[in-house]
Amino acid sequence: MGKHINVISILWIVYGGMGLLWAFILFWILFGIAFIPDIGYEAAYILRGAGIFVSVFIGIFSVPEVIAGIGLLKMKEWARILALILCFFNLIAFPLGTALSVYTFVILVKDESIQLFQKP
């Protein structure tokens, strides 16, 4: 069961890192488009605002995924609970989020896993 938990933790770190990378790329794409000549005064402000908003929104959901993955590597009970909560929210992120959420849920709710996270 320990190997499954290590795999889950690494997958959560990678999945959260991909989200942060995606947020960074979207920010620079939208912010860069705002500097195209003759795009218009209002469009530039809208694109910059959208870039900031979208990046922060994606980042807010990606940082807890990385934190949960690091906590699962250290076998912390709070990380197990956080990962289960994130599973619920990522079910709609088809296909990667759904697959990761189902795999995490199946492994982390087993009695063997719960006992591994309990402090001795």
PDB file of N, CA and C in Angstrom:
ATOM      1  N   MET A   1       0.831  -1.204   0.000  1.00  0.00           N
ATOM      2  CA  MET A   1       0.000   0.000   0.000  1.00  0.00           C
ATOM      3  C   MET A   1       0.869   1.259   0.000  1.00  0.00           C
ATOM      4  N   GLY A   2       2.047   1.154   0.585  1.00  0.00           N
ATOM      5  CA  GLY A   2       2.947   2.297   0.630  1.00  0.00           C
ATOM      6  C   GLY A   2       3.384   2.754  -0.753  1.00  0.00           C
ATOM      7  N   LYS A   3       3.560   1.781  -1.674  1.00  0.00           N
ATOM      8  CA  LYS A   3       3.956   2.140  -3.039  1.00  0.00           C
ATOM      9  C   LYS A   3       2.842   2.920  -3.738  1.00  0.00           C
ATOM     10  N   HIS A   4       1.598   2.515  -3.516  1.00  0.00           N
ATOM     11  CA  HIS A   4       0.478   3.233  -4.120  1.00  0.00           C
ATOM     12  C   HIS A   4       0.410   4.669  -3.601  1.00  0.00           C
ATOM     13  N   ILE A   5       0.646   4.829  -2.323  1.00  0.00           N
ATOM     14  CA  ILE A   5       0.593   6.174  -1.731  1.00  0.00           C
ATOM     15  C   ILE A   5       1.723   7.039  -2.283  1.00  0.00           C
ATOM     16  N   ASN A   6       2.912   6.454  -2.466  1.00  0.00           N
ATOM     17  CA  ASN A   6       4.014   7.213  -3.063  1.00  0.00           C
ATOM     18  C   ASN A   6       3.696   7.613  -4.501  1.00  0.00           C
ATOM     19  N   VAL A   7       3.096   6.704  -5.256  1.00  0.00           N
ATOM     20  CA  VAL A   7       2.712   7.022  -6.641  1.00  0.00           C
ATOM     21  C   VAL A   7       1.677   8.140  -6.657  1.00  0.00           C
ATOM     22  N   ILE A   8       0.691   8.043  -5.772  1.00  0.00           N
ATOM     23  CA  ILE A   8      -0.348   9.075  -5.697  1.00  0.00           C
ATOM     24  C   ILE A   8       0.268  10.426  -5.352  1.00  0.00           C
ATOM     25  N   SER A   9       1.175  10.433  -4.392  1.00  0.00           N
ATOM     26  CA  SER A   9       1.770  11.706  -3.990  1.00  0.00           C
ATOM     27  C   SER A   9       2.566  12.331  -5.125  1.00  0.00           C
ATOM     28  N   ILE A  10       3.320  11.530  -5.853  1.00  0.00           N
ATOM     29  CA  ILE A  10       4.081  12.059  -6.984  1.00  0.00           C
ATOM     30  C   ILE A  10       3.140  12.555  -8.080  1.00  0.00           C
ATOM     31  N   LEU A  11       2.064  11.808  -8.334  1.00  0.00           N
ATOM     32  CA  LEU A  11       1.100  12.243  -9.348  1.00  0.00           C
ATOM     33  C   LEU A  11       0.434  13.559  -8.965  1.00  0.00           C
ATOM     34  N   TRP A  12       0.121  13.748  -7.687  1.00  0.00           N
ATOM     35  CA  TRP A  12      -0.487  15.019  -7.262  1.00  0.00           C
ATOM     36  C   TRP A  12       0.488  16.180  -7.418  1.00  0.00           C
ATOM     37  N   ILE A  13       1.761  15.927  -7.115  1.00  0.00           N
ATOM     38  CA  ILE A  13       2.760  16.993  -7.279  1.00  0.00           C
ATOM     39  C   ILE A  13       2.902  17.355  -8.757  1.00  0.00           C
ATOM     40  N   VAL A  14       2.964  16.345  -9.617  1.00  0.00           N
ATOM     41  CA  VAL A  14       3.099  16.598 -11.057  1.00  0.00           C
ATOM     42  C   VAL A  14       1.851  17.284 -11.606  1.00  0.00           C
ATOM     43  N   TYR A  15       0.673  16.815 -11.187  1.00  0.00           N
ATOM     44  CA  TYR A  15      -0.581  17.407 -11.664  1.00  0.00           C
ATOM     45  C   TYR A  15      -0.692  18.871 -11.223  1.00  0.00           C
ATOM     46  N   GLY A  16      -0.335  19.160  -9.979  1.00  0.00           N
ATOM     47  CA  GLY A  16      -0.351  20.548  -9.509  1.00  0.00           C
ATOM     48  C   GLY A  16       0.690  21.401 -10.211  1.00  0.00           C
ATOM     49  N   GLY A  17       1.860  20.817 -10.472  1.00  0.00           N
ATOM     50  CA  GLY A  17       2.897  21.534 -11.199  1.00  0.00           C
ATOM     51  C   GLY A  17       2.481  21.850 -12.621  1.00  0.00           C
ATOM     52  N   MET A  18       1.764  20.904 -13.254  1.00  0.00           N
ATOM     53  CA  MET A  18       1.244  21.166 -14.603  1.00  0.00           C
ATOM     54  C   MET A  18       0.238  22.316 -14.567  1.00  0.00           C
ATOM     55  N   GLY A  19      -0.579  22.371 -13.532  1.00  0.00           N
ATOM     56  CA  GLY A  19      -1.533  23.471 -13.401  1.00  0.00           C
ATOM     57  C   GLY A  19      -0.831  24.811 -13.239  1.00  0.00           C
ATOM     58  N   LEU A  20       0.220  24.829 -12.429  1.00  0.00           N
ATOM     59  CA  LEU A  20       0.975  26.072 -12.245  1.00  0.00           C
ATOM     60  C   LEU A  20       1.667  26.493 -13.536  1.00  0.00           C
ATOM     61  N   LEU A  21       2.204  25.529 -14.259  1.00  0.00           N
ATOM     62  CA  LEU A  21       2.833  25.836 -15.545  1.00  0.00           C
ATOM     63  C   LEU A  21       1.804  26.380 -16.530  1.00  0.00           C
ATOM     64  N   TRP A  22       0.637  25.773 -16.579  1.00  0.00           N
ATOM     65  CA  TRP A  22      -0.443  26.218 -17.456  1.00  0.00           C
ATOM     66  C   TRP A  22      -0.866  27.647 -17.094  1.00  0.00           C
ATOM     67  N   ALA A  23      -0.954  27.944 -15.797  1.00  0.00           N
ATOM     68  CA  ALA A  23      -1.319  29.294 -15.356  1.00  0.00           C
ATOM     69  C   ALA A  23      -0.258  30.306 -15.811  1.00  0.00           C
ATOM     70  N   PHE A  24       0.999  29.940 -15.682  1.00  0.00           N
ATOM     71  CA  PHE A  24       2.093  30.819 -16.087  1.00  0.00           C
ATOM     72  C   PHE A  24       2.052  31.091 -17.596  1.00  0.00           C
ATOM     73  N   ILE A  25       1.839  30.033 -18.377  1.00  0.00           N
ATOM     74  CA  ILE A  25       1.795  30.189 -19.838  1.00  0.00           C
ATOM     75  C   ILE A  25       0.604  31.044 -20.265  1.00  0.00           C
ATOM     76  N   LEU A  26      -0.572  30.782 -19.686  1.00  0.00           N
ATOM     77  CA  LEU A  26      -1.756  31.581 -20.032  1.00  0.00           C
ATOM     78  C   LEU A  26      -1.571  33.049 -19.667  1.00  0.00           C
ATOM     79  N   PHE A  27      -0.938  33.294 -18.532  1.00  0.00           N
ATOM     80  CA  PHE A  27      -0.691  34.683 -18.140  1.00  0.00           C
ATOM     81  C   PHE A  27       0.138  35.402 -19.195  1.00  0.00           C
ATOM     82  N   TRP A  28       1.240  34.790 -19.610  1.00  0.00           N
ATOM     83  CA  TRP A  28       2.116  35.463 -20.565  1.00  0.00           C
ATOM     84  C   TRP A  28       1.515  35.550 -21.956  1.00  0.00           C
ATOM     85  N   ILE A  29       0.700  34.578 -22.329  1.00  0.00           N
ATOM     86  CA  ILE A  29       0.040  34.660 -23.638  1.00  0.00           C
ATOM     87  C   ILE A  29      -0.962  35.812 -23.652  1.00  0.00           C
ATOM     88  N   LEU A  30      -1.841  35.851 -22.664  1.00  0.00           N
ATOM     89  CA  LEU A  30      -2.860  36.905 -22.630  1.00  0.00           C
ATOM     90  C   LEU A  30      -2.244  38.280 -22.389  1.00  0.00           C
ATOM     91  N   PHE A  31      -1.234  38.322 -21.532  1.00  0.00           N
ATOM     92  CA  PHE A  31      -0.581  39.600 -21.264  1.00  0.00           C
ATOM     93  C   PHE A  31       0.195  40.066 -22.488  1.00  0.00           C
ATOM     94  N   GLY A  32       0.800  39.132 -23.218  1.00  0.00           N
ATOM     95  CA  GLY A  32       1.555  39.489 -24.415  1.00  0.00           C
ATOM     96  C   GLY A  32       0.673  39.953 -25.557  1.00  0.00           C
ATOM     97  N   ILE A  33      -0.495  39.331 -25.711  1.00  0.00           N
ATOM     98  CA  ILE A  33      -1.421  39.747 -26.765  1.00  0.00           C
ATOM     99  C   ILE A  33      -1.874  41.188 -26.540  1.00  0.00           C
ATOM    100  N   ALA A  34      -1.909  41.607 -25.282  1.00  0.00           N
ATOM    101  CA  ALA A  34      -2.353  42.968 -24.970  1.00  0.00           C
ATOM    102  C   ALA A  34      -1.408  44.029 -25.535  1.00  0.00           C
ATOM    103  N   PHE A  35      -0.196  43.658 -25.893  1.00  0.00           N
ATOM    104  CA  PHE A  35       0.768  44.625 -26.409  1.00  0.00           C
ATOM    105  C   PHE A  35       0.844  44.645 -27.934  1.00  0.00           C
ATOM    106  N   ILE A  36      -0.046  43.948 -28.600  1.00  0.00           N
ATOM    107  CA  ILE A  36      -0.085  43.998 -30.061  1.00  0.00           C
ATOM    108  C   ILE A  36      -0.508  45.411 -30.479  1.00  0.00           C
ATOM    109  N   PRO A  37       0.211  45.994 -31.435  1.00  0.00           N
ATOM    110  CA  PRO A  37      -0.154  47.347 -31.872  1.00  0.00           C
ATOM    111  C   PRO A  37      -1.567  47.382 -32.471  1.00  0.00           C
ATOM    112  N   ASP A  38      -2.234  48.472 -32.302  1.00  0.00           N
ATOM    113  CA  ASP A  38      -3.581  48.720 -32.832  1.00  0.00           C
ATOM    114  C   ASP A  38      -4.623  47.736 -32.318  1.00  0.00           C
ATOM    115  N   ILE A  39      -4.425  47.221 -31.120  1.00  0.00           N
ATOM    116  CA  ILE A  39      -5.408  46.289 -30.569  1.00  0.00           C
ATOM    117  C   ILE A  39      -6.548  47.047 -29.885  1.00  0.00           C
ATOM    118  N   GLY A  40      -6.262  48.233 -29.490  1.00  0.00           N
ATOM    119  CA  GLY A  40      -7.291  49.041 -28.857  1.00  0.00           C
ATOM    120  C   GLY A  40      -7.020  49.207 -27.368  1.00  0.00           C
ATOM    121  N   TYR A  41      -7.436  50.345 -26.876  1.00  0.00           N
ATOM    122  CA  TYR A  41      -7.183  50.704 -25.480  1.00  0.00           C
ATOM    123  C   TYR A  41      -7.934  49.792 -24.519  1.00  0.00           C
ATOM    124  N   GLU A  42      -9.209  49.563 -24.781  1.00  0.00           N
ATOM    125  CA  GLU A  42     -10.037  48.753 -23.883  1.00  0.00           C
ATOM    126  C   GLU A  42      -9.657  47.279 -23.944  1.00  0.00           C
ATOM    127  N   ALA A  43      -9.350  46.789 -25.145  1.00  0.00           N
ATOM    128  CA  ALA A  43      -9.001  45.376 -25.302  1.00  0.00           C
ATOM    129  C   ALA A  43      -7.726  45.030 -24.542  1.00  0.00           C
ATOM    130  N   ALA A  44      -6.784  45.954 -24.510  1.00  0.00           N
ATOM    131  CA  ALA A  44      -5.539  45.703 -23.785  1.00  0.00           C
ATOM    132  C   ALA A  44      -5.807  45.530 -22.297  1.00  0.00           C
ATOM    133  N   TYR A  45      -6.651  46.387 -21.731  1.00  0.00           N
ATOM    134  CA  TYR A  45      -6.986  46.255 -20.305  1.00  0.00           C
ATOM    135  C   TYR A  45      -7.760  44.967 -20.025  1.00  0.00           C
ATOM    136  N   ILE A  46      -8.651  44.603 -20.915  1.00  0.00           N
ATOM    137  CA  ILE A  46      -9.429  43.373 -20.726  1.00  0.00           C
ATOM    138  C   ILE A  46      -8.519  42.151 -20.797  1.00  0.00           C
ATOM    139  N   LEU A  47      -7.607  42.128 -21.752  1.00  0.00           N
ATOM    140  CA  LEU A  47      -6.703  40.988 -21.870  1.00  0.00           C
ATOM    141  C   LEU A  47      -5.764  40.885 -20.676  1.00  0.00           C
ATOM    142  N   ARG A  48      -5.250  42.000 -20.206  1.00  0.00           N
ATOM    143  CA  ARG A  48      -4.377  41.962 -19.026  1.00  0.00           C
ATOM    144  C   ARG A  48      -5.150  41.496 -17.801  1.00  0.00           C
ATOM    145  N   GLY A  49      -6.348  42.022 -17.634  1.00  0.00           N
ATOM    146  CA  GLY A  49      -7.177  41.604 -16.498  1.00  0.00           C
ATOM    147  C   GLY A  49      -7.550  40.134 -16.567  1.00  0.00           C
ATOM    148  N   ALA A  50      -7.887  39.669 -17.768  1.00  0.00           N
ATOM    149  CA  ALA A  50      -8.226  38.255 -17.938  1.00  0.00           C
ATOM    150  C   ALA A  50      -7.015  37.376 -17.669  1.00  0.00           C
ATOM    151  N   GLY A  51      -5.851  37.808 -18.113  1.00  0.00           N
ATOM    152  CA  GLY A  51      -4.632  37.044 -17.859  1.00  0.00           C
ATOM    153  C   GLY A  51      -4.335  36.908 -16.386  1.00  0.00           C
ATOM    154  N   ILE A  52      -4.477  37.994 -15.662  1.00  0.00           N
ATOM    155  CA  ILE A  52      -4.242  37.962 -14.213  1.00  0.00           C
ATOM    156  C   ILE A  52      -5.292  37.105 -13.529  1.00  0.00           C
ATOM    157  N   PHE A  53      -6.558  37.299 -13.871  1.00  0.00           N
ATOM    158  CA  PHE A  53      -7.644  36.569 -13.220  1.00  0.00           C
ATOM    159  C   PHE A  53      -7.541  35.066 -13.451  1.00  0.00           C
ATOM    160  N   VAL A  54      -7.341  34.671 -14.703  1.00  0.00           N
ATOM    161  CA  VAL A  54      -7.277  33.248 -15.044  1.00  0.00           C
ATOM    162  C   VAL A  54      -6.062  32.603 -14.384  1.00  0.00           C
ATOM    163  N   SER A  55      -4.941  33.271 -14.393  1.00  0.00           N
ATOM    164  CA  SER A  55      -3.733  32.709 -13.793  1.00  0.00           C
ATOM    165  C   SER A  55      -3.874  32.538 -12.292  1.00  0.00           C
ATOM    166  N   VAL A  56      -4.428  33.517 -11.636  1.00  0.00           N
ATOM    167  CA  VAL A  56      -4.626  33.409 -10.189  1.00  0.00           C
ATOM    168  C   VAL A  56      -5.641  32.321  -9.875  1.00  0.00           C
ATOM    169  N   PHE A  57      -6.696  32.225 -10.660  1.00  0.00           N
ATOM    170  CA  PHE A  57      -7.726  31.202 -10.446  1.00  0.00           C
ATOM    171  C   PHE A  57      -7.139  29.801 -10.575  1.00  0.00           C
ATOM    172  N   ILE A  58      -6.379  29.558 -11.619  1.00  0.00           N
ATOM    173  CA  ILE A  58      -5.763  28.243 -11.805  1.00  0.00           C
ATOM    174  C   ILE A  58      -4.721  27.987 -10.722  1.00  0.00           C
ATOM    175  N   GLY A  59      -3.967  29.008 -10.365  1.00  0.00           N
ATOM    176  CA  GLY A  59      -2.950  28.863  -9.323  1.00  0.00           C
ATOM    177  C   GLY A  59      -3.535  28.539  -7.961  1.00  0.00           C
ATOM    178  N   ILE A  60      -4.692  29.123  -7.651  1.00  0.00           N
ATOM    179  CA  ILE A  60      -5.342  28.856  -6.364  1.00  0.00           C
ATOM    180  C   ILE A  60      -5.727  27.388  -6.252  1.00  0.00           C
ATOM    181  N   PHE A  61      -6.087  26.762  -7.357  1.00  0.00           N
ATOM    182  CA  PHE A  61      -6.452  25.350  -7.321  1.00  0.00           C
ATOM    183  C   PHE A  61      -5.256  24.420  -7.490  1.00  0.00           C
ATOM    184  N   SER A  62      -4.134  24.915  -8.005  1.00  0.00           N
ATOM    185  CA  SER A  62      -2.971  24.064  -8.242  1.00  0.00           C
ATOM    186  C   SER A  62      -2.042  23.979  -7.035  1.00  0.00           C
ATOM    187  N   VAL A  63      -1.917  25.037  -6.279  1.00  0.00           N
ATOM    188  CA  VAL A  63      -1.018  25.032  -5.126  1.00  0.00           C
ATOM    189  C   VAL A  63      -1.438  23.992  -4.082  1.00  0.00           C
ATOM    190  N   PRO A  64      -2.721  23.864  -3.726  1.00  0.00           N
ATOM    191  CA  PRO A  64      -3.084  22.814  -2.763  1.00  0.00           C
ATOM    192  C   PRO A  64      -2.797  21.400  -3.265  1.00  0.00           C
ATOM    193  N   GLU A  65      -2.807  21.196  -4.565  1.00  0.00           N
ATOM    194  CA  GLU A  65      -2.482  19.873  -5.105  1.00  0.00           C
ATOM    195  C   GLU A  65      -1.021  19.532  -4.848  1.00  0.00           C
ATOM    196  N   VAL A  66      -0.141  20.500  -5.038  1.00  0.00           N
ATOM    197  CA  VAL A  66       1.274  20.282  -4.757  1.00  0.00           C
ATOM    198  C   VAL A  66       1.479  20.067  -3.261  1.00  0.00           C
ATOM    199  N   ILE A  67       0.802  20.857  -2.439  1.00  0.00           N
ATOM    200  CA  ILE A  67       0.921  20.721  -0.986  1.00  0.00           C
ATOM    201  C   ILE A  67       0.424  19.347  -0.539  1.00  0.00           C
ATOM    202  N   ALA A  68      -0.681  18.893  -1.095  1.00  0.00           N
ATOM    203  CA  ALA A  68      -1.207  17.565  -0.742  1.00  0.00           C
ATOM    204  C   ALA A  68      -0.219  16.474  -1.141  1.00  0.00           C
ATOM    205  N   GLY A  69       0.386  16.590  -2.300  1.00  0.00           N
ATOM    206  CA  GLY A  69       1.365  15.600  -2.737  1.00  0.00           C
ATOM    207  C   GLY A  69       2.575  15.539  -1.824  1.00  0.00           C
ATOM    208  N   ILE A  70       3.076  16.691  -1.407  1.00  0.00           N
ATOM    209  CA  ILE A  70       4.219  16.722  -0.497  1.00  0.00           C
ATOM    210  C   ILE A  70       3.830  16.136   0.863  1.00  0.00           C
ATOM    211  N   GLY A  71       2.632  16.479   1.345  1.00  0.00           N
ATOM    212  CA  GLY A  71       2.170  15.925   2.611  1.00  0.00           C
ATOM    213  C   GLY A  71       1.954  14.424   2.552  1.00  0.00           C
ATOM    214  N   LEU A  72       1.475  13.919   1.415  1.00  0.00           N
ATOM    215  CA  LEU A  72       1.310  12.470   1.272  1.00  0.00           C
ATOM    216  C   LEU A  72       2.650  11.754   1.259  1.00  0.00           C
ATOM    217  N   LEU A  73       3.669  12.373   0.687  1.00  0.00           N
ATOM    218  CA  LEU A  73       5.002  11.772   0.732  1.00  0.00           C
ATOM    219  C   LEU A  73       5.502  11.636   2.164  1.00  0.00           C
ATOM    220  N   LYS A  74       5.134  12.587   3.008  1.00  0.00           N
ATOM    221  CA  LYS A  74       5.549  12.564   4.419  1.00  0.00           C
ATOM    222  C   LYS A  74       4.570  11.810   5.309  1.00  0.00           C
ATOM    223  N   MET A  75       3.524  11.209   4.680  1.00  0.00           N
ATOM    224  CA  MET A  75       2.527  10.391   5.384  1.00  0.00           C
ATOM    225  C   MET A  75       1.803  11.176   6.493  1.00  0.00           C
ATOM    226  N   LYS A  76       1.361  12.369   6.165  1.00  0.00           N
ATOM    227  CA  LYS A  76       0.617  13.204   7.108  1.00  0.00           C
ATOM    228  C   LYS A  76      -0.877  12.966   6.939  1.00  0.00           C
ATOM    229  N   GLU A  77      -1.596  12.887   8.042  1.00  0.00           N
ATOM    230  CA  GLU A  77      -3.046  12.640   8.007  1.00  0.00           C
ATOM    231  C   GLU A  77      -3.790  13.803   7.351  1.00  0.00           C
ATOM    232  N   TRP A  78      -3.352  15.042   7.609  1.00  0.00           N
ATOM    233  CA  TRP A  78      -4.027  16.192   7.012  1.00  0.00           C
ATOM    234  C   TRP A  78      -3.904  16.172   5.485  1.00  0.00           C
ATOM    235  N   ALA A  79      -2.794  15.623   4.983  1.00  0.00           N
ATOM    236  CA  ALA A  79      -2.607  15.547   3.535  1.00  0.00           C
ATOM    237  C   ALA A  79      -3.562  14.520   2.931  1.00  0.00           C
ATOM    238  N   ARG A  80      -3.832  13.441   3.653  1.00  0.00           N
ATOM    239  CA  ARG A  80      -4.793  12.450   3.167  1.00  0.00           C
ATOM    240  C   ARG A  80      -6.178  13.072   3.040  1.00  0.00           C
ATOM    241  N   ILE A  81      -6.561  13.839   4.052  1.00  0.00           N
ATOM    242  CA  ILE A  81      -7.868  14.506   4.027  1.00  0.00           C
ATOM    243  C   ILE A  81      -7.908  15.551   2.914  1.00  0.00           C
ATOM    244  N   LEU A  82      -6.837  16.326   2.767  1.00  0.00           N
ATOM    245  CA  LEU A  82      -6.776  17.335   1.703  1.00  0.00           C
ATOM    246  C   LEU A  82      -6.853  16.675   0.331  1.00  0.00           C
ATOM    247  N   ALA A  83      -6.155  15.558   0.146  1.00  0.00           N
ATOM    248  CA  ALA A  83      -6.198  14.861  -1.138  1.00  0.00           C
ATOM    249  C   ALA A  83      -7.605  14.340  -1.437  1.00  0.00           C
ATOM    250  N   LEU A  84      -8.306  13.867  -0.415  1.00  0.00           N
ATOM    251  CA  LEU A  84      -9.680  13.396  -0.628  1.00  0.00           C
ATOM    252  C   LEU A  84     -10.614  14.550  -1.005  1.00  0.00           C
ATOM    253  N   ILE A  85     -10.391  15.703  -0.407  1.00  0.00           N
ATOM    254  CA  ILE A  85     -11.189  16.883  -0.763  1.00  0.00           C
ATOM    255  C   ILE A  85     -10.883  17.312  -2.203  1.00  0.00           C
ATOM    256  N   LEU A  86      -9.602  17.308  -2.564  1.00  0.00           N
ATOM    257  CA  LEU A  86      -9.211  17.676  -3.928  1.00  0.00           C
ATOM    258  C   LEU A  86      -9.745  16.672  -4.951  1.00  0.00           C
ATOM    259  N   CYS A  87      -9.877  15.410  -4.537  1.00  0.00           N
ATOM    260  CA  CYS A  87     -10.468  14.398  -5.430  1.00  0.00           C
ATOM    261  C   CYS A  87     -11.865  14.815  -5.854  1.00  0.00           C
ATOM    262  N   PHE A  88     -12.623  15.299  -4.899  1.00  0.00           N
ATOM    263  CA  PHE A  88     -13.998  15.710  -5.192  1.00  0.00           C
ATOM    264  C   PHE A  88     -14.022  16.828  -6.231  1.00  0.00           C
ATOM    265  N   PHE A  89     -13.165  17.822  -6.079  1.00  0.00           N
ATOM    266  CA  PHE A  89     -13.160  18.957  -6.994  1.00  0.00           C
ATOM    267  C   PHE A  89     -12.587  18.605  -8.369  1.00  0.00           C
ATOM    268  N   ASN A  90     -11.670  17.652  -8.425  1.00  0.00           N
ATOM    269  CA  ASN A  90     -11.022  17.306  -9.691  1.00  0.00           C
ATOM    270  C   ASN A  90     -11.761  16.250 -10.487  1.00  0.00           C
ATOM    271  N   LEU A  91     -12.872  15.766 -10.007  1.00  0.00           N
ATOM    272  CA  LEU A  91     -13.636  14.779 -10.772  1.00  0.00           C
ATOM    273  C   LEU A  91     -14.123  15.336 -12.108  1.00  0.00           C
ATOM    274  N   ILE A  92     -14.363  16.634 -12.172  1.00  0.00           N
ATOM    275  CA  ILE A  92     -14.857  17.230 -13.415  1.00  0.00           C
ATOM    276  C   ILE A  92     -13.738  17.558 -14.400  1.00  0.00           C
ATOM    277  N   ALA A  93     -12.479  17.410 -13.978  1.00  0.00           N
ATOM    278  CA  ALA A  93     -11.339  17.711 -14.853  1.00  0.00           C
ATOM    279  C   ALA A  93     -11.002  16.474 -15.673  1.00  0.00           C
ATOM    280  N   PHE A  94     -11.860  16.162 -16.636  1.00  0.00           N
ATOM    281  CA  PHE A  94     -11.722  14.955 -17.435  1.00  0.00           C
ATOM    282  C   PHE A  94     -10.601  15.122 -18.452  1.00  0.00           C
ATOM    283  N   PRO A  95      -9.774  14.198 -18.718  1.00  0.00           N
ATOM    284  CA  PRO A  95      -9.642  12.833 -18.232  1.00  0.00           C
ATOM    285  C   PRO A  95      -8.617  12.667 -17.120  1.00  0.00           C
ATOM    286  N   LEU A  96      -7.580  13.537 -17.069  1.00  0.00           N
ATOM    287  CA  LEU A  96      -6.506  13.340 -16.089  1.00  0.00           C
ATOM    288  C   LEU A  96      -6.981  13.517 -14.656  1.00  0.00           C
ATOM    289  N   GLY A  97      -7.721  14.570 -14.409  1.00  0.00           N
ATOM    290  CA  GLY A  97      -8.204  14.822 -13.054  1.00  0.00           C
ATOM    291  C   GLY A  97      -9.148  13.740 -12.568  1.00  0.00           C
ATOM    292  N   THR A  98      -9.983  13.250 -13.458  1.00  0.00           N
ATOM    293  CA  THR A  98     -10.925  12.189 -13.092  1.00  0.00           C
ATOM    294  C   THR A  98     -10.178  10.905 -12.758  1.00  0.00           C
ATOM    295  N   ALA A  99      -9.230  10.525 -13.578  1.00  0.00           N
ATOM    296  CA  ALA A  99      -8.470   9.297 -13.333  1.00  0.00           C
ATOM    297  C   ALA A  99      -7.669   9.396 -12.039  1.00  0.00           C
ATOM    298  N   LEU A 100      -7.005  10.517 -11.827  1.00  0.00           N
ATOM    299  CA  LEU A 100      -6.234  10.701 -10.604  1.00  0.00           C
ATOM    300  C   LEU A 100      -7.135  10.713  -9.379  1.00  0.00           C
ATOM    301  N   SER A 101      -8.286  11.329  -9.488  1.00  0.00           N
ATOM    302  CA  SER A 101      -9.217  11.398  -8.362  1.00  0.00           C
ATOM    303  C   SER A 101      -9.759  10.024  -7.990  1.00  0.00           C
ATOM    304  N   VAL A 102     -10.132   9.238  -8.988  1.00  0.00           N
ATOM    305  CA  VAL A 102     -10.659   7.897  -8.706  1.00  0.00           C
ATOM    306  C   VAL A 102      -9.574   7.028  -8.080  1.00  0.00           C
ATOM    307  N   TYR A 103      -8.377   7.068  -8.637  1.00  0.00           N
ATOM    308  CA  TYR A 103      -7.268   6.278  -8.106  1.00  0.00           C
ATOM    309  C   TYR A 103      -6.943   6.696  -6.668  1.00  0.00           C
ATOM    310  N   THR A 104      -6.890   7.993  -6.419  1.00  0.00           N
ATOM    311  CA  THR A 104      -6.606   8.486  -5.076  1.00  0.00           C
ATOM    312  C   THR A 104      -7.696   8.069  -4.102  1.00  0.00           C
ATOM    313  N   PHE A 105      -8.935   8.215  -4.499  1.00  0.00           N
ATOM    314  CA  PHE A 105     -10.042   7.868  -3.607  1.00  0.00           C
ATOM    315  C   PHE A 105     -10.021   6.384  -3.263  1.00  0.00           C
ATOM    316  N   VAL A 106      -9.809   5.535  -4.256  1.00  0.00           N
ATOM    317  CA  VAL A 106      -9.811   4.085  -4.021  1.00  0.00           C
ATOM    318  C   VAL A 106      -8.697   3.692  -3.056  1.00  0.00           C
ATOM    319  N   ILE A 107      -7.539   4.283  -3.193  1.00  0.00           N
ATOM    320  CA  ILE A 107      -6.408   3.918  -2.342  1.00  0.00           C
ATOM    321  C   ILE A 107      -6.522   4.527  -0.946  1.00  0.00           C
ATOM    322  N   LEU A 108      -6.882   5.792  -0.847  1.00  0.00           N
ATOM    323  CA  LEU A 108      -6.830   6.480   0.443  1.00  0.00           C
ATOM    324  C   LEU A 108      -7.985   6.157   1.389  1.00  0.00           C
ATOM    325  N   VAL A 109      -9.046   5.542   0.915  1.00  0.00           N
ATOM    326  CA  VAL A 109     -10.146   5.198   1.829  1.00  0.00           C
ATOM    327  C   VAL A 109     -10.054   3.762   2.337  1.00  0.00           C
ATOM    328  N   LYS A 110      -9.079   2.992   1.890  1.00  0.00           N
ATOM    329  CA  LYS A 110      -8.893   1.630   2.385  1.00  0.00           C
ATOM    330  C   LYS A 110      -8.401   1.668   3.827  1.00  0.00           C
ATOM    331  N   ASP A 111      -8.770   0.656   4.584  1.00  0.00           N
ATOM    332  CA  ASP A 111      -8.369   0.589   5.986  1.00  0.00           C
ATOM    333  C   ASP A 111      -6.853   0.513   6.152  1.00  0.00           C
ATOM    334  N   GLU A 112      -6.178  -0.176   5.236  1.00  0.00           N
ATOM    335  CA  GLU A 112      -4.716  -0.273   5.298  1.00  0.00           C
ATOM    336  C   GLU A 112      -4.067   1.104   5.183  1.00  0.00           C
ATOM    337  N   SER A 113      -4.588   1.929   4.284  1.00  0.00           N
ATOM    338  CA  SER A 113      -4.042   3.272   4.100  1.00  0.00           C
ATOM    339  C   SER A 113      -4.328   4.145   5.310  1.00  0.00           C
ATOM    340  N   ILE A 114      -5.521   4.028   5.838  1.00  0.00           N
ATOM    341  CA  ILE A 114      -5.875   4.837   7.007  1.00  0.00           C
ATOM    342  C   ILE A 114      -4.954   4.496   8.171  1.00  0.00           C
ATOM    343  N   GLN A 115      -4.647   3.230   8.343  1.00  0.00           N
ATOM    344  CA  GLN A 115      -3.752   2.820   9.434  1.00  0.00           C
ATOM    345  C   GLN A 115      -2.325   3.327   9.215  1.00  0.00           C
ATOM    346  N   LEU A 116      -1.882   3.409   7.963  1.00  0.00           N
ATOM    347  CA  LEU A 116      -0.547   3.935   7.689  1.00  0.00           C
ATOM    348  C   LEU A 116      -0.424   5.409   8.079  1.00  0.00           C
ATOM    349  N   PHE A 117      -1.526   6.138   7.958  1.00  0.00           N
ATOM    350  CA  PHE A 117      -1.487   7.565   8.262  1.00  0.00           C
ATOM    351  C   PHE A 117      -1.722   7.867   9.741  1.00  0.00           C
ATOM    352  N   GLN A 118      -2.198   6.897  10.499  1.00  0.00           N
ATOM    353  CA  GLN A 118      -2.414   7.107  11.926  1.00  0.00           C
ATOM    354  C   GLN A 118      -1.054   7.162  12.630  1.00  0.00           C
ATOM    355  N   LYS A 119      -0.963   8.041  13.583  1.00  0.00           N
ATOM    356  CA  LYS A 119       0.290   8.164  14.315  1.00  0.00           C
ATOM    357  C   LYS A 119       0.402   7.017  15.326  1.00  0.00           C
ATOM    358  N   PRO A 120       1.621   6.450  15.492  1.00  0.00           N
ATOM    359  CA  PRO A 120       1.775   5.332  16.419  1.00  0.00           C
ATOM    360  C   PRO A 120       1.656   5.736  17.883  1.00  0.00           C
TER     361      PRO A 120
END
